Amino acid sequence: LEACCRSPMTLQRDLKRARIVLLAADGRSTRSIAKEVGVQPRIVSVWRHRYADQGLEGLQDKPRPGKQPIYTKTTDKRILKLLDKPPPQGFARWTGPLLAEALGDVDVQYVWRFLRSHKIDLAARKSWCESNDPNFTAKAADVVGLYVAPPAKAIVLCVDEKPSIQALERAQGYLKLPNGRALTGQSHDYKRHGTTTLFAALEVATGKIIATHSKRRRRVEFLDFMNSLTAAFPGRKLHVILDNLNTHKKNESWLKAHPNVQFHFTPTSASWLNQIEVWFSILQGQSLSGTSFTSLKQLQEHIDAYVNAYNDKAEPFVWTKKKIRQRRFKGRRINQL
């Protein structure tokens, strides 16, 4: 007990109990001990008797029955079962209040806590596109094979268009809030200055981009861009990865005139296999979102400047594949690599 009183790690409740017993051993009265320790006399009597009957173990807290939880695992199962059902008529998805209202006897705050603990986000939505191409496996293997093991002494290019990029002029600046904070932003109103279509090719081996602008995305503009690619790699074998756009197909006469070029098409509804789509996403996020242009020429020069800056630090993409877990659609077979 004396060691317990000297230790700086002793809890205050244990320290008071030890002092009560030590002072009682010195012959002090209950009232005088209560006054010195700073507790009620009845508290002193409790610990004196507990120590007299049980020794040191009597100074420990006895196990106490806690409050019975209002919600149990049965409640959790009811919430999960309700999430498997369609939301009420007229609603697109479940929300916390809708779940609490449907359950009837569960508070909405507990519903939110349960959803957070299970990392269930009712507002987030994932999107995917499944290909029904009967030759999906062969076409995908052809494209992925070009990424993983490109032919020797050949250039692999991913080609596509980003159409109708708008040159929007928006008022931009800082918005000062009443609490003193300042937010950057732009106005909702805007002025259009035309659109441009960006033809782009990604060189798989280096990650560099070749891009040009056009007013339209017809077959004529596509073949003009292909002519510029053959001129950029004279005498080299070109393997070009394309999606299934109509302007990309039925170009046998042009291919006959350019025997060093071979087209490889991604499976139907699987243009995500084309790496240029990844770069278009990077372009949108790093260069186009949140910008303002006073003319179409300014937009084109802005994109060209970004392409030049990107090529200075370009690196090839690393092809990876993740295991996908999803429910199978009834009566429909899902093809996978």
C-alpha atoms as a PDB file:
ATOM      1  CA  LEU A   1       0.000   0.000   0.000  1.00  0.00           C
ATOM      2  CA  GLU A   2       2.880   2.395   0.763  1.00  0.00           C
ATOM      3  CA  ALA A   3       4.441   1.592  -2.625  1.00  0.00           C
ATOM      4  CA  CYS A   4       1.106   2.275  -4.276  1.00  0.00           C
ATOM      5  CA  CYS A   5       1.005   5.715  -2.637  1.00  0.00           C
ATOM      6  CA  ARG A   6       4.559   6.536  -3.776  1.00  0.00           C
ATOM      7  CA  SER A   7       4.115   5.444  -7.398  1.00  0.00           C
ATOM      8  CA  PRO A   8       3.307   8.272  -9.865  1.00  0.00           C
ATOM      9  CA  MET A   9       1.474   5.735 -12.043  1.00  0.00           C
ATOM     10  CA  THR A  10      -1.190   4.973  -9.432  1.00  0.00           C
ATOM     11  CA  LEU A  11      -4.713   6.021 -10.319  1.00  0.00           C
ATOM     12  CA  GLN A  12      -6.323   8.585  -7.999  1.00  0.00           C
ATOM     13  CA  ARG A  13      -9.088   6.197  -6.967  1.00  0.00           C
ATOM     14  CA  ASP A  14      -6.546   3.510  -5.973  1.00  0.00           C
ATOM     15  CA  LEU A  15      -4.409   6.111  -4.190  1.00  0.00           C
ATOM     16  CA  LYS A  16      -7.338   7.242  -2.042  1.00  0.00           C
ATOM     17  CA  ARG A  17      -8.228   3.667  -1.143  1.00  0.00           C
ATOM     18  CA  ALA A  18      -4.632   2.883  -0.112  1.00  0.00           C
ATOM     19  CA  ARG A  19      -4.406   6.049   2.005  1.00  0.00           C
ATOM     20  CA  ILE A  20      -7.698   5.162   3.733  1.00  0.00           C
ATOM     21  CA  VAL A  21      -6.346   1.774   4.798  1.00  0.00           C
ATOM     22  CA  LEU A  22      -2.944   3.148   5.888  1.00  0.00           C
ATOM     23  CA  LEU A  23      -4.532   5.927   7.964  1.00  0.00           C
ATOM     24  CA  ALA A  24      -6.906   3.395   9.526  1.00  0.00           C
ATOM     25  CA  ALA A  25      -3.878   1.257  10.457  1.00  0.00           C
ATOM     26  CA  ASP A  26      -2.514   4.268  12.351  1.00  0.00           C
ATOM     27  CA  GLY A  27      -5.661   4.278  14.485  1.00  0.00           C
ATOM     28  CA  ARG A  28      -7.334   7.290  12.879  1.00  0.00           C
ATOM     29  CA  SER A  29     -11.110   7.658  13.114  1.00  0.00           C
ATOM     30  CA  THR A  30     -13.386   7.364  10.118  1.00  0.00           C
ATOM     31  CA  ARG A  31     -14.326  11.057  10.162  1.00  0.00           C
ATOM     32  CA  SER A  32     -10.749  12.285  10.393  1.00  0.00           C
ATOM     33  CA  ILE A  33      -9.706   9.995   7.518  1.00  0.00           C
ATOM     34  CA  ALA A  34     -12.624  11.235   5.379  1.00  0.00           C
ATOM     35  CA  LYS A  35     -11.611  14.844   6.058  1.00  0.00           C
ATOM     36  CA  GLU A  36      -7.958  14.281   5.141  1.00  0.00           C
ATOM     37  CA  VAL A  37      -8.578  12.149   2.037  1.00  0.00           C
ATOM     38  CA  GLY A  38     -11.469  14.327   0.844  1.00  0.00           C
ATOM     39  CA  VAL A  39     -14.288  11.778   0.667  1.00  0.00           C
ATOM     40  CA  GLN A  40     -17.506  11.046   2.509  1.00  0.00           C
ATOM     41  CA  PRO A  41     -17.287   9.058   5.779  1.00  0.00           C
ATOM     42  CA  ARG A  42     -19.432   6.307   4.312  1.00  0.00           C
ATOM     43  CA  ILE A  43     -16.812   5.811   1.568  1.00  0.00           C
ATOM     44  CA  VAL A  44     -14.129   5.364   4.237  1.00  0.00           C
ATOM     45  CA  SER A  45     -16.288   2.762   6.001  1.00  0.00           C
ATOM     46  CA  VAL A  46     -16.799   0.823   2.776  1.00  0.00           C
ATOM     47  CA  TRP A  47     -13.073   0.445   2.004  1.00  0.00           C
ATOM     48  CA  ARG A  48     -12.101  -0.255   5.623  1.00  0.00           C
ATOM     49  CA  HIS A  49     -14.548  -3.132   5.781  1.00  0.00           C
ATOM     50  CA  ARG A  50     -13.647  -4.389   2.277  1.00  0.00           C
ATOM     51  CA  TYR A  51      -9.953  -4.503   3.221  1.00  0.00           C
ATOM     52  CA  ALA A  52     -10.667  -6.145   6.573  1.00  0.00           C
ATOM     53  CA  ASP A  53     -12.710  -8.887   4.876  1.00  0.00           C
ATOM     54  CA  GLN A  54     -10.807  -9.485   1.595  1.00  0.00           C
ATOM     55  CA  GLY A  55      -7.382  -7.851   1.938  1.00  0.00           C
ATOM     56  CA  LEU A  56      -5.830  -6.173  -1.095  1.00  0.00           C
ATOM     57  CA  GLU A  57      -8.307  -7.816  -3.450  1.00  0.00           C
ATOM     58  CA  GLY A  58     -11.094  -6.000  -1.636  1.00  0.00           C
ATOM     59  CA  LEU A  59      -9.712  -2.682  -2.874  1.00  0.00           C
ATOM     60  CA  GLN A  60     -10.354  -3.638  -6.509  1.00  0.00           C
ATOM     61  CA  ASP A  61     -13.553  -2.721  -8.304  1.00  0.00           C
ATOM     62  CA  LYS A  62     -16.141  -5.446  -8.527  1.00  0.00           C
ATOM     63  CA  PRO A  63     -17.507  -6.288 -11.969  1.00  0.00           C
ATOM     64  CA  ARG A  64     -20.650  -4.324 -12.662  1.00  0.00           C
ATOM     65  CA  PRO A  65     -23.366  -5.193 -15.144  1.00  0.00           C
ATOM     66  CA  GLY A  66     -23.304  -2.591 -17.920  1.00  0.00           C
ATOM     67  CA  LYS A  67     -26.282  -1.059 -19.575  1.00  0.00           C
ATOM     68  CA  GLN A  68     -27.981  -3.414 -21.971  1.00  0.00           C
ATOM     69  CA  PRO A  69     -27.441  -2.231 -25.550  1.00  0.00           C
ATOM     70  CA  ILE A  70     -30.509  -0.907 -27.303  1.00  0.00           C
ATOM     71  CA  TYR A  71     -29.434  -2.238 -30.700  1.00  0.00           C
ATOM     72  CA  THR A  72     -27.919  -5.662 -31.281  1.00  0.00           C
ATOM     73  CA  LYS A  73     -26.587  -7.744 -34.161  1.00  0.00           C
ATOM     74  CA  THR A  74     -30.176  -8.505 -35.059  1.00  0.00           C
ATOM     75  CA  THR A  75     -30.664  -4.800 -35.764  1.00  0.00           C
ATOM     76  CA  ASP A  76     -27.569  -4.805 -37.995  1.00  0.00           C
ATOM     77  CA  LYS A  77     -28.921  -7.737 -39.963  1.00  0.00           C
ATOM     78  CA  ARG A  78     -32.242  -5.926 -40.416  1.00  0.00           C
ATOM     79  CA  ILE A  79     -30.430  -2.904 -41.886  1.00  0.00           C
ATOM     80  CA  LEU A  80     -28.419  -5.040 -44.298  1.00  0.00           C
ATOM     81  CA  LYS A  81     -31.522  -6.966 -45.325  1.00  0.00           C
ATOM     82  CA  LEU A  82     -33.347  -3.709 -45.996  1.00  0.00           C
ATOM     83  CA  LEU A  83     -30.485  -2.444 -48.176  1.00  0.00           C
ATOM     84  CA  ASP A  84     -30.962  -5.460 -50.448  1.00  0.00           C
ATOM     85  CA  LYS A  85     -34.520  -4.366 -51.148  1.00  0.00           C
ATOM     86  CA  PRO A  86     -35.479  -1.551 -53.564  1.00  0.00           C
ATOM     87  CA  PRO A  87     -35.963   1.901 -51.996  1.00  0.00           C
ATOM     88  CA  PRO A  88     -39.464   3.299 -51.446  1.00  0.00           C
ATOM     89  CA  GLN A  89     -41.419   4.184 -54.555  1.00  0.00           C
ATOM     90  CA  GLY A  90     -40.306   7.477 -56.058  1.00  0.00           C
ATOM     91  CA  PHE A  91     -36.804   7.394 -54.501  1.00  0.00           C
ATOM     92  CA  ALA A  92     -33.627   6.562 -56.434  1.00  0.00           C
ATOM     93  CA  ARG A  93     -31.674   5.171 -53.477  1.00  0.00           C
ATOM     94  CA  TRP A  94     -31.785   4.535 -49.740  1.00  0.00           C
ATOM     95  CA  THR A  95     -30.782   7.277 -47.306  1.00  0.00           C
ATOM     96  CA  GLY A  96     -30.239   7.178 -43.560  1.00  0.00           C
ATOM     97  CA  PRO A  97     -33.635   8.742 -42.706  1.00  0.00           C
ATOM     98  CA  LEU A  98     -35.421   6.437 -45.162  1.00  0.00           C
ATOM     99  CA  LEU A  99     -33.805   3.375 -43.561  1.00  0.00           C
ATOM    100  CA  ALA A 100     -34.708   4.565 -40.050  1.00  0.00           C
ATOM    101  CA  GLU A 101     -38.288   5.263 -41.130  1.00  0.00           C
ATOM    102  CA  ALA A 102     -38.622   1.829 -42.752  1.00  0.00           C
ATOM    103  CA  LEU A 103     -37.217   0.067 -39.692  1.00  0.00           C
ATOM    104  CA  GLY A 104     -39.517   1.985 -37.377  1.00  0.00           C
ATOM    105  CA  ASP A 105     -37.678   1.386 -34.095  1.00  0.00           C
ATOM    106  CA  VAL A 106     -34.091   2.348 -34.979  1.00  0.00           C
ATOM    107  CA  ASP A 107     -32.702   5.849 -34.517  1.00  0.00           C
ATOM    108  CA  VAL A 108     -31.256   7.480 -37.626  1.00  0.00           C
ATOM    109  CA  GLN A 109     -27.982   8.255 -35.814  1.00  0.00           C
ATOM    110  CA  TYR A 110     -27.421   4.556 -35.175  1.00  0.00           C
ATOM    111  CA  VAL A 111     -28.131   3.849 -38.858  1.00  0.00           C
ATOM    112  CA  TRP A 112     -25.422   6.324 -39.869  1.00  0.00           C
ATOM    113  CA  ARG A 113     -22.951   4.854 -37.341  1.00  0.00           C
ATOM    114  CA  PHE A 114     -23.619   1.356 -38.626  1.00  0.00           C
ATOM    115  CA  LEU A 115     -23.129   2.425 -42.248  1.00  0.00           C
ATOM    116  CA  ARG A 116     -19.866   4.200 -41.415  1.00  0.00           C
ATOM    117  CA  SER A 117     -18.520   1.211 -39.460  1.00  0.00           C
ATOM    118  CA  HIS A 118     -19.191  -1.059 -42.443  1.00  0.00           C
ATOM    119  CA  LYS A 119     -17.888   1.538 -44.934  1.00  0.00           C
ATOM    120  CA  ILE A 120     -21.205   1.644 -46.780  1.00  0.00           C
ATOM    121  CA  ASP A 121     -21.635   4.868 -48.780  1.00  0.00           C
ATOM    122  CA  LEU A 122     -25.224   5.231 -49.944  1.00  0.00           C
ATOM    123  CA  ALA A 123     -24.465   8.225 -52.174  1.00  0.00           C
ATOM    124  CA  ALA A 124     -21.411   6.852 -54.017  1.00  0.00           C
ATOM    125  CA  ARG A 125     -22.050   4.994 -57.224  1.00  0.00           C
ATOM    126  CA  LYS A 126     -19.691   2.819 -59.252  1.00  0.00           C
ATOM    127  CA  SER A 127     -20.184   2.468 -62.968  1.00  0.00           C
ATOM    128  CA  TRP A 128     -18.966  -0.235 -65.272  1.00  0.00           C
ATOM    129  CA  CYS A 129     -19.525  -1.404 -68.804  1.00  0.00           C
ATOM    130  CA  GLU A 130     -19.613  -5.049 -69.729  1.00  0.00           C
ATOM    131  CA  SER A 131     -18.721  -6.099 -73.217  1.00  0.00           C
ATOM    132  CA  ASN A 132     -20.962  -8.559 -75.038  1.00  0.00           C
ATOM    133  CA  ASP A 133     -18.404  -9.004 -77.812  1.00  0.00           C
ATOM    134  CA  PRO A 134     -18.194 -12.745 -78.581  1.00  0.00           C
ATOM    135  CA  ASN A 135     -14.512 -12.259 -79.467  1.00  0.00           C
ATOM    136  CA  PHE A 136     -13.702 -10.302 -76.325  1.00  0.00           C
ATOM    137  CA  THR A 137     -10.959 -12.633 -75.110  1.00  0.00           C
ATOM    138  CA  ALA A 138      -9.083 -12.726 -78.409  1.00  0.00           C
ATOM    139  CA  LYS A 139      -9.302  -8.973 -79.003  1.00  0.00           C
ATOM    140  CA  ALA A 140      -8.350  -8.087 -75.428  1.00  0.00           C
ATOM    141  CA  ALA A 141      -5.417 -10.495 -75.499  1.00  0.00           C
ATOM    142  CA  ASP A 142      -4.246  -8.888 -78.740  1.00  0.00           C
ATOM    143  CA  VAL A 143      -4.302  -5.397 -77.240  1.00  0.00           C
ATOM    144  CA  VAL A 144      -2.801  -6.373 -73.895  1.00  0.00           C
ATOM    145  CA  GLY A 145      -0.141  -8.370 -75.717  1.00  0.00           C
ATOM    146  CA  LEU A 146       0.955  -5.190 -77.501  1.00  0.00           C
ATOM    147  CA  TYR A 147       1.326  -3.493 -74.114  1.00  0.00           C
ATOM    148  CA  VAL A 148       3.167  -6.291 -72.360  1.00  0.00           C
ATOM    149  CA  ALA A 149       5.297  -7.633 -75.238  1.00  0.00           C
ATOM    150  CA  PRO A 150       5.329  -5.214 -78.195  1.00  0.00           C
ATOM    151  CA  PRO A 151       6.762  -6.491 -81.491  1.00  0.00           C
ATOM    152  CA  ALA A 152      10.464  -5.898 -81.993  1.00  0.00           C
ATOM    153  CA  LYS A 153      11.448  -2.776 -83.966  1.00  0.00           C
ATOM    154  CA  ALA A 154       7.808  -1.618 -84.117  1.00  0.00           C
ATOM    155  CA  ILE A 155       5.938   1.355 -82.704  1.00  0.00           C
ATOM    156  CA  VAL A 156       2.722   0.774 -80.716  1.00  0.00           C
ATOM    157  CA  LEU A 157       0.377   3.764 -80.714  1.00  0.00           C
ATOM    158  CA  CYS A 158      -2.936   4.279 -78.892  1.00  0.00           C
ATOM    159  CA  VAL A 159      -5.086   6.629 -80.974  1.00  0.00           C
ATOM    160  CA  ASP A 160      -8.418   8.298 -80.337  1.00  0.00           C
ATOM    161  CA  GLU A 161     -10.207  11.653 -80.408  1.00  0.00           C
ATOM    162  CA  LYS A 162     -11.523  13.915 -77.689  1.00  0.00           C
ATOM    163  CA  PRO A 163     -14.313  15.739 -79.509  1.00  0.00           C
ATOM    164  CA  SER A 164     -16.012  19.069 -78.869  1.00  0.00           C
ATOM    165  CA  ILE A 165     -13.688  20.541 -76.238  1.00  0.00           C
ATOM    166  CA  GLN A 166     -15.373  23.846 -75.421  1.00  0.00           C
ATOM    167  CA  ALA A 167     -13.551  27.138 -75.077  1.00  0.00           C
ATOM    168  CA  LEU A 168     -15.589  28.553 -72.193  1.00  0.00           C
ATOM    169  CA  GLU A 169     -14.940  31.967 -70.719  1.00  0.00           C
ATOM    170  CA  ARG A 170     -15.838  32.144 -67.033  1.00  0.00           C
ATOM    171  CA  ALA A 171     -15.353  34.847 -64.443  1.00  0.00           C
ATOM    172  CA  GLN A 172     -12.743  33.584 -61.974  1.00  0.00           C
ATOM    173  CA  GLY A 173     -11.244  34.883 -58.771  1.00  0.00           C
ATOM    174  CA  TYR A 174     -11.529  34.740 -54.988  1.00  0.00           C
ATOM    175  CA  LEU A 175     -14.660  34.712 -52.860  1.00  0.00           C
ATOM    176  CA  LYS A 176     -14.239  36.073 -49.333  1.00  0.00           C
ATOM    177  CA  LEU A 177     -16.560  34.564 -46.730  1.00  0.00           C
ATOM    178  CA  PRO A 178     -17.910  36.352 -43.615  1.00  0.00           C
ATOM    179  CA  ASN A 179     -15.648  34.244 -41.370  1.00  0.00           C
ATOM    180  CA  GLY A 180     -12.561  35.567 -43.133  1.00  0.00           C
ATOM    181  CA  ARG A 181     -11.827  32.550 -45.292  1.00  0.00           C
ATOM    182  CA  ALA A 182     -11.165  32.987 -48.995  1.00  0.00           C
ATOM    183  CA  LEU A 183     -12.186  30.426 -51.615  1.00  0.00           C
ATOM    184  CA  THR A 184     -11.045  30.227 -55.210  1.00  0.00           C
ATOM    185  CA  GLY A 185     -13.748  29.534 -57.752  1.00  0.00           C
ATOM    186  CA  GLN A 186     -15.535  30.589 -60.880  1.00  0.00           C
ATOM    187  CA  SER A 187     -18.955  31.862 -61.823  1.00  0.00           C
ATOM    188  CA  HIS A 188     -21.746  29.693 -63.177  1.00  0.00           C
ATOM    189  CA  ASP A 189     -22.348  31.889 -66.195  1.00  0.00           C
ATOM    190  CA  TYR A 190     -20.027  31.561 -69.163  1.00  0.00           C
ATOM    191  CA  LYS A 191     -19.514  32.569 -72.761  1.00  0.00           C
ATOM    192  CA  ARG A 192     -18.790  30.059 -75.533  1.00  0.00           C
ATOM    193  CA  HIS A 193     -16.002  30.692 -78.007  1.00  0.00           C
ATOM    194  CA  GLY A 194     -16.270  27.537 -80.100  1.00  0.00           C
ATOM    195  CA  THR A 195     -15.082  23.947 -79.835  1.00  0.00           C
ATOM    196  CA  THR A 196     -12.086  21.944 -80.973  1.00  0.00           C
ATOM    197  CA  THR A 197     -11.569  18.228 -81.543  1.00  0.00           C
ATOM    198  CA  LEU A 198      -8.283  16.846 -80.289  1.00  0.00           C
ATOM    199  CA  PHE A 199      -6.730  13.915 -82.165  1.00  0.00           C
ATOM    200  CA  ALA A 200      -4.098  12.280 -79.971  1.00  0.00           C
ATOM    201  CA  ALA A 201      -1.742   9.311 -80.134  1.00  0.00           C
ATOM    202  CA  LEU A 202       0.114   7.851 -77.153  1.00  0.00           C
ATOM    203  CA  GLU A 203       3.381   6.038 -77.821  1.00  0.00           C
ATOM    204  CA  VAL A 204       3.204   3.049 -75.493  1.00  0.00           C
ATOM    205  CA  ALA A 205       6.980   2.578 -75.186  1.00  0.00           C
ATOM    206  CA  THR A 206       7.719   6.149 -74.048  1.00  0.00           C
ATOM    207  CA  GLY A 207       4.362   7.555 -72.913  1.00  0.00           C
ATOM    208  CA  LYS A 208       4.790  10.614 -75.155  1.00  0.00           C
ATOM    209  CA  ILE A 209       1.834  12.257 -76.872  1.00  0.00           C
ATOM    210  CA  ILE A 210       1.365  13.396 -80.453  1.00  0.00           C
ATOM    211  CA  ALA A 211      -1.680  15.648 -80.785  1.00  0.00           C
ATOM    212  CA  THR A 212      -3.321  17.892 -83.319  1.00  0.00           C
ATOM    213  CA  HIS A 213      -6.495  19.965 -83.459  1.00  0.00           C
ATOM    214  CA  SER A 214      -9.352  19.755 -85.909  1.00  0.00           C
ATOM    215  CA  LYS A 215     -12.784  21.300 -86.304  1.00  0.00           C
ATOM    216  CA  ARG A 216     -14.489  17.956 -86.956  1.00  0.00           C
ATOM    217  CA  ARG A 217     -13.926  14.252 -86.365  1.00  0.00           C
ATOM    218  CA  ARG A 218     -14.831  12.739 -89.728  1.00  0.00           C
ATOM    219  CA  ARG A 219     -12.972  10.010 -91.561  1.00  0.00           C
ATOM    220  CA  VAL A 220     -11.084  12.668 -93.523  1.00  0.00           C
ATOM    221  CA  GLU A 221      -9.658  14.240 -90.345  1.00  0.00           C
ATOM    222  CA  PHE A 222      -8.832  10.830 -88.900  1.00  0.00           C
ATOM    223  CA  LEU A 223      -6.873   9.746 -91.981  1.00  0.00           C
ATOM    224  CA  ASP A 224      -5.098  13.103 -92.076  1.00  0.00           C
ATOM    225  CA  PHE A 225      -3.963  12.462 -88.514  1.00  0.00           C
ATOM    226  CA  MET A 226      -2.847   8.962 -89.452  1.00  0.00           C
ATOM    227  CA  ASN A 227      -0.810  10.450 -92.322  1.00  0.00           C
ATOM    228  CA  SER A 228       0.944  12.715 -89.823  1.00  0.00           C
ATOM    229  CA  LEU A 229       1.753   9.685 -87.647  1.00  0.00           C
ATOM    230  CA  THR A 230       3.291   7.762 -90.543  1.00  0.00           C
ATOM    231  CA  ALA A 231       5.337  10.854 -91.361  1.00  0.00           C
ATOM    232  CA  ALA A 232       6.498  11.076 -87.725  1.00  0.00           C
ATOM    233  CA  PHE A 233       7.795   7.487 -87.837  1.00  0.00           C
ATOM    234  CA  PRO A 234       9.089   7.016 -91.394  1.00  0.00           C
ATOM    235  CA  GLY A 235       9.906   3.456 -92.376  1.00  0.00           C
ATOM    236  CA  ARG A 236       8.733   2.021 -89.036  1.00  0.00           C
ATOM    237  CA  LYS A 237       6.087  -0.635 -88.501  1.00  0.00           C
ATOM    238  CA  LEU A 238       3.109   0.921 -86.694  1.00  0.00           C
ATOM    239  CA  HIS A 239       0.610  -1.019 -84.575  1.00  0.00           C
ATOM    240  CA  VAL A 240      -2.314   1.310 -83.890  1.00  0.00           C
ATOM    241  CA  ILE A 241      -4.855   0.549 -81.150  1.00  0.00           C
ATOM    242  CA  LEU A 242      -8.301   1.999 -81.842  1.00  0.00           C
ATOM    243  CA  ASP A 243     -11.844   1.740 -80.561  1.00  0.00           C
ATOM    244  CA  ASN A 244     -14.817   0.724 -82.677  1.00  0.00           C
ATOM    245  CA  LEU A 245     -15.826   4.157 -83.956  1.00  0.00           C
ATOM    246  CA  ASN A 246     -17.175   3.999 -87.506  1.00  0.00           C
ATOM    247  CA  THR A 247     -14.520   6.390 -88.815  1.00  0.00           C
ATOM    248  CA  HIS A 248     -11.816   4.016 -87.566  1.00  0.00           C
ATOM    249  CA  LYS A 249     -13.156   1.108 -89.585  1.00  0.00           C
ATOM    250  CA  LYS A 250     -13.569   0.426 -93.301  1.00  0.00           C
ATOM    251  CA  ASN A 251     -10.268   2.093 -94.170  1.00  0.00           C
ATOM    252  CA  GLU A 252      -8.927  -0.815 -96.227  1.00  0.00           C
ATOM    253  CA  SER A 253      -7.857   1.399 -99.121  1.00  0.00           C
ATOM    254  CA  TRP A 254      -5.741   3.583 -96.845  1.00  0.00           C
ATOM    255  CA  LEU A 255      -4.241   0.541 -95.103  1.00  0.00           C
ATOM    256  CA  LYS A 256      -3.435  -0.966 -98.498  1.00  0.00           C
ATOM    257  CA  ALA A 257      -1.521   2.181 -99.367  1.00  0.00           C
ATOM    258  CA  HIS A 258       0.307   2.022 -96.019  1.00  0.00           C
ATOM    259  CA  PRO A 259       1.322  -1.632 -95.538  1.00  0.00           C
ATOM    260  CA  ASN A 260       3.527  -0.725 -92.574  1.00  0.00           C
ATOM    261  CA  VAL A 261       0.430   0.219 -90.512  1.00  0.00           C
ATOM    262  CA  GLN A 262      -1.775  -2.334 -88.767  1.00  0.00           C
ATOM    263  CA  PHE A 263      -4.971  -1.520 -86.880  1.00  0.00           C
ATOM    264  CA  HIS A 264      -5.942  -3.339 -83.656  1.00  0.00           C
ATOM    265  CA  PHE A 265      -9.470  -2.773 -82.345  1.00  0.00           C
ATOM    266  CA  THR A 266     -10.547  -3.012 -78.735  1.00  0.00           C
ATOM    267  CA  PRO A 267     -13.579  -5.238 -77.989  1.00  0.00           C
ATOM    268  CA  THR A 268     -17.038  -3.735 -78.247  1.00  0.00           C
ATOM    269  CA  SER A 269     -17.843  -1.508 -75.224  1.00  0.00           C
ATOM    270  CA  ALA A 270     -14.277  -1.887 -73.949  1.00  0.00           C
ATOM    271  CA  SER A 271     -12.525   1.278 -75.079  1.00  0.00           C
ATOM    272  CA  TRP A 272     -11.019   1.486 -71.571  1.00  0.00           C
ATOM    273  CA  LEU A 273      -8.389  -0.936 -72.899  1.00  0.00           C
ATOM    274  CA  ASN A 274      -7.043   1.919 -74.998  1.00  0.00           C
ATOM    275  CA  GLN A 275      -4.392   3.750 -72.960  1.00  0.00           C
ATOM    276  CA  ILE A 276      -5.096   7.064 -74.663  1.00  0.00           C
ATOM    277  CA  GLU A 277      -8.355   7.143 -72.689  1.00  0.00           C
ATOM    278  CA  VAL A 278      -6.261   7.265 -69.510  1.00  0.00           C
ATOM    279  CA  TRP A 279      -4.329  10.217 -70.853  1.00  0.00           C
ATOM    280  CA  PHE A 280      -7.525  12.038 -71.819  1.00  0.00           C
ATOM    281  CA  SER A 281      -8.606  11.713 -68.186  1.00  0.00           C
ATOM    282  CA  ILE A 282      -5.263  13.190 -67.067  1.00  0.00           C
ATOM    283  CA  LEU A 283      -5.660  16.024 -69.574  1.00  0.00           C
ATOM    284  CA  GLN A 284      -9.134  16.838 -68.279  1.00  0.00           C
ATOM    285  CA  GLY A 285      -8.105  16.815 -64.629  1.00  0.00           C
ATOM    286  CA  GLN A 286      -4.779  18.653 -64.886  1.00  0.00           C
ATOM    287  CA  SER A 287      -5.324  21.035 -67.785  1.00  0.00           C
ATOM    288  CA  LEU A 288      -8.961  21.648 -68.709  1.00  0.00           C
ATOM    289  CA  SER A 289     -11.035  21.568 -65.509  1.00  0.00           C
ATOM    290  CA  GLY A 290     -11.505  24.957 -63.883  1.00  0.00           C
ATOM    291  CA  THR A 291      -9.939  26.990 -66.700  1.00  0.00           C
ATOM    292  CA  SER A 292     -11.223  29.922 -68.717  1.00  0.00           C
ATOM    293  CA  PHE A 293     -10.514  30.847 -72.339  1.00  0.00           C
ATOM    294  CA  THR A 294     -11.350  34.016 -74.237  1.00  0.00           C
ATOM    295  CA  SER A 295     -10.907  32.415 -77.668  1.00  0.00           C
ATOM    296  CA  LEU A 296     -10.643  29.073 -79.403  1.00  0.00           C
ATOM    297  CA  LYS A 297      -7.023  29.789 -80.286  1.00  0.00           C
ATOM    298  CA  GLN A 298      -6.201  30.309 -76.615  1.00  0.00           C
ATOM    299  CA  LEU A 299      -7.708  26.908 -75.781  1.00  0.00           C
ATOM    300  CA  GLN A 300      -5.673  25.173 -78.483  1.00  0.00           C
ATOM    301  CA  GLU A 301      -2.455  26.888 -77.395  1.00  0.00           C
ATOM    302  CA  HIS A 302      -3.214  25.921 -73.794  1.00  0.00           C
ATOM    303  CA  ILE A 303      -3.607  22.237 -74.718  1.00  0.00           C
ATOM    304  CA  ASP A 304      -0.450  22.327 -76.882  1.00  0.00           C
ATOM    305  CA  ALA A 305       1.512  23.818 -73.986  1.00  0.00           C
ATOM    306  CA  TYR A 306       0.281  21.066 -71.683  1.00  0.00           C
ATOM    307  CA  VAL A 307       1.234  18.366 -74.217  1.00  0.00           C
ATOM    308  CA  ASN A 308       4.757  19.791 -74.452  1.00  0.00           C
ATOM    309  CA  ALA A 309       5.095  19.937 -70.664  1.00  0.00           C
ATOM    310  CA  TYR A 310       3.712  16.404 -70.330  1.00  0.00           C
ATOM    311  CA  ASN A 311       6.143  15.024 -72.925  1.00  0.00           C
ATOM    312  CA  ASP A 312       9.109  16.494 -71.047  1.00  0.00           C
ATOM    313  CA  LYS A 313       8.370  14.163 -68.120  1.00  0.00           C
ATOM    314  CA  ALA A 314       6.440  11.432 -69.923  1.00  0.00           C
ATOM    315  CA  GLU A 315       6.702   7.863 -68.692  1.00  0.00           C
ATOM    316  CA  PRO A 316       5.010   4.755 -70.061  1.00  0.00           C
ATOM    317  CA  PHE A 317       1.965   3.453 -68.241  1.00  0.00           C
ATOM    318  CA  VAL A 318       2.375   0.220 -66.311  1.00  0.00           C
ATOM    319  CA  TRP A 319      -0.280  -2.300 -67.330  1.00  0.00           C
ATOM    320  CA  THR A 320      -1.915  -3.986 -64.339  1.00  0.00           C
ATOM    321  CA  LYS A 321      -4.969  -6.144 -63.831  1.00  0.00           C
ATOM    322  CA  LYS A 322      -7.048  -6.349 -60.674  1.00  0.00           C
ATOM    323  CA  LYS A 323      -9.300  -9.186 -59.692  1.00  0.00           C
ATOM    324  CA  ILE A 324     -12.924  -8.150 -60.111  1.00  0.00           C
ATOM    325  CA  ARG A 325     -15.651  -9.442 -57.828  1.00  0.00           C
ATOM    326  CA  GLN A 326     -19.199  -8.777 -58.935  1.00  0.00           C
ATOM    327  CA  ARG A 327     -22.552 -10.416 -59.098  1.00  0.00           C
ATOM    328  CA  ARG A 328     -23.369 -12.360 -62.206  1.00  0.00           C
ATOM    329  CA  PHE A 329     -26.334 -11.263 -64.240  1.00  0.00           C
ATOM    330  CA  LYS A 330     -28.981 -13.891 -64.614  1.00  0.00           C
ATOM    331  CA  GLY A 331     -28.947 -15.439 -68.055  1.00  0.00           C
ATOM    332  CA  ARG A 332     -25.869 -13.521 -69.151  1.00  0.00           C
ATOM    333  CA  ARG A 333     -22.319 -14.749 -69.239  1.00  0.00           C
ATOM    334  CA  ILE A 334     -19.546 -12.387 -68.223  1.00  0.00           C
ATOM    335  CA  ASN A 335     -16.343 -12.801 -70.193  1.00  0.00           C
ATOM    336  CA  GLN A 336     -13.098 -12.058 -68.386  1.00  0.00           C
ATOM    337  CA  LEU A 337      -9.442 -12.186 -69.262  1.00  0.00           C
END
